[in-house]
Structures are given as structure tokens and as C-alpha cells.
Amino acid sequence: MNQYVTGAMIRELREKNRMTQLQLAEKLGVKMTVYLYKNVKNLN
């Protein structure tokens, strides 16, 4: 599975569960820096 497909699946499941990226990160125990990195990367 490539990175795009994996990300799309995570997004779909996250949205079905009505979770924000931050809520998912907190539930998974991921630091806020990963959340911020993804958003900055999307701006480029």
C-alpha cells in the first residue's frame, strides 16, 4: 500500500468516527509536532 492510499484510508476512518487530526493524534499518543508537520507539508 502506498503512502497516499494509507493516508486516505486513515482520513476516511477518522472522519467516519468524527475525529479531528488532533484528536486522533492524542488517542494514538502521537506528539503535536507530527500533526503540525503534516499541515505545514500540505501548505507546500
N, C-alpha and C. Protein backbone atom coordinates (compact mmCIF):
# COMPACT_ATOMS: atom_id res chain seq x y z
N MET A 1 0.85 -1.18 0.00
CA MET A 1 0.00 0.00 0.00
C MET A 1 0.89 1.24 0.00
N ASN A 2 0.58 2.18 -0.86
CA ASN A 2 1.42 3.38 -0.90
C ASN A 2 0.97 4.41 0.13
N GLN A 3 1.79 5.43 0.29
CA GLN A 3 1.56 6.45 1.31
C GLN A 3 0.23 7.18 1.10
N TYR A 4 -0.11 7.48 -0.16
CA TYR A 4 -1.35 8.20 -0.45
C TYR A 4 -2.57 7.38 -0.06
N VAL A 5 -2.56 6.10 -0.42
CA VAL A 5 -3.69 5.22 -0.10
C VAL A 5 -3.83 5.05 1.40
N THR A 6 -2.72 4.86 2.09
CA THR A 6 -2.76 4.70 3.54
C THR A 6 -3.32 5.96 4.20
N GLY A 7 -2.85 7.12 3.77
CA GLY A 7 -3.35 8.38 4.33
C GLY A 7 -4.83 8.59 4.06
N ALA A 8 -5.27 8.21 2.86
CA ALA A 8 -6.69 8.35 2.50
C ALA A 8 -7.55 7.44 3.37
N MET A 9 -7.06 6.24 3.64
CA MET A 9 -7.82 5.30 4.48
C MET A 9 -7.90 5.81 5.91
N ILE A 10 -6.79 6.33 6.42
CA ILE A 10 -6.80 6.87 7.78
C ILE A 10 -7.77 8.04 7.86
N ARG A 11 -7.73 8.92 6.86
CA ARG A 11 -8.63 10.07 6.86
C ARG A 11 -10.09 9.62 6.83
N GLU A 12 -10.41 8.67 5.98
CA GLU A 12 -11.78 8.18 5.87
C GLU A 12 -12.27 7.61 7.20
N LEU A 13 -11.46 6.78 7.82
CA LEU A 13 -11.85 6.19 9.11
C LEU A 13 -11.97 7.26 10.20
N ARG A 14 -11.03 8.21 10.18
CA ARG A 14 -11.06 9.30 11.17
C ARG A 14 -12.34 10.11 11.03
N GLU A 15 -12.70 10.44 9.79
CA GLU A 15 -13.90 11.25 9.56
C GLU A 15 -15.17 10.46 9.88
N LYS A 16 -15.19 9.16 9.61
CA LYS A 16 -16.35 8.34 9.97
C LYS A 16 -16.58 8.34 11.47
N ASN A 17 -15.49 8.44 12.21
CA ASN A 17 -15.58 8.48 13.67
C ASN A 17 -15.66 9.90 14.22
N ARG A 18 -15.82 10.86 13.31
CA ARG A 18 -15.97 12.27 13.67
C ARG A 18 -14.83 12.76 14.57
N MET A 19 -13.60 12.45 14.14
CA MET A 19 -12.43 12.85 14.89
C MET A 19 -11.61 13.84 14.07
N THR A 20 -11.01 14.79 14.76
CA THR A 20 -10.07 15.69 14.10
C THR A 20 -8.70 15.01 14.05
N GLN A 21 -7.79 15.58 13.29
CA GLN A 21 -6.43 15.04 13.26
C GLN A 21 -5.80 15.10 14.64
N LEU A 22 -6.06 16.18 15.35
CA LEU A 22 -5.50 16.34 16.69
C LEU A 22 -6.07 15.29 17.64
N GLN A 23 -7.36 15.03 17.58
CA GLN A 23 -7.97 14.02 18.45
C GLN A 23 -7.38 12.64 18.18
N LEU A 24 -7.19 12.32 16.90
CA LEU A 24 -6.61 11.03 16.56
C LEU A 24 -5.17 10.94 17.06
N ALA A 25 -4.41 12.00 16.88
CA ALA A 25 -3.03 12.03 17.35
C ALA A 25 -2.97 11.81 18.86
N GLU A 26 -3.84 12.48 19.59
CA GLU A 26 -3.87 12.32 21.05
C GLU A 26 -4.24 10.90 21.44
N LYS A 27 -5.22 10.33 20.74
CA LYS A 27 -5.65 8.96 21.05
C LYS A 27 -4.53 7.96 20.78
N LEU A 28 -3.74 8.23 19.75
CA LEU A 28 -2.63 7.34 19.41
C LEU A 28 -1.36 7.64 20.21
N GLY A 29 -1.37 8.74 20.95
CA GLY A 29 -0.21 9.11 21.74
C GLY A 29 0.89 9.75 20.91
N VAL A 30 0.50 10.34 19.78
CA VAL A 30 1.46 10.99 18.89
C VAL A 30 1.61 12.44 19.32
N LYS A 31 2.83 12.93 19.28
CA LYS A 31 3.07 14.31 19.69
C LYS A 31 2.48 15.29 18.69
N MET A 32 2.17 16.47 19.16
CA MET A 32 1.60 17.53 18.34
C MET A 32 2.49 17.89 17.16
N THR A 33 3.79 17.67 17.27
CA THR A 33 4.70 18.04 16.18
C THR A 33 4.39 17.29 14.90
N VAL A 34 3.92 16.05 15.01
CA VAL A 34 3.56 15.28 13.82
C VAL A 34 2.35 15.92 13.16
N TYR A 35 1.38 16.32 13.94
CA TYR A 35 0.19 16.98 13.43
C TYR A 35 0.58 18.28 12.72
N LEU A 36 1.43 19.07 13.34
CA LEU A 36 1.86 20.33 12.74
C LEU A 36 2.67 20.11 11.48
N TYR A 37 3.53 19.10 11.49
CA TYR A 37 4.36 18.79 10.32
C TYR A 37 3.49 18.48 9.11
N LYS A 38 2.45 17.70 9.31
CA LYS A 38 1.58 17.33 8.21
C LYS A 38 0.91 18.57 7.64
N ASN A 39 0.45 19.46 8.48
CA ASN A 39 -0.23 20.66 8.00
C ASN A 39 0.72 21.61 7.28
N VAL A 40 1.93 21.74 7.77
CA VAL A 40 2.92 22.59 7.11
C VAL A 40 3.29 21.97 5.77
N LYS A 41 3.46 20.67 5.73
CA LYS A 41 3.81 19.97 4.50
C LYS A 41 2.71 20.16 3.44
N ASN A 42 1.46 20.16 3.86
CA ASN A 42 0.34 20.34 2.92
C ASN A 42 0.30 21.74 2.34
N LEU A 43 0.91 22.71 3.00
CA LEU A 43 0.92 24.09 2.50
C LEU A 43 1.91 24.26 1.36
N ASN A 44 2.91 23.39 1.29
CA ASN A 44 3.94 23.50 0.25
C ASN A 44 3.52 22.88 -1.06
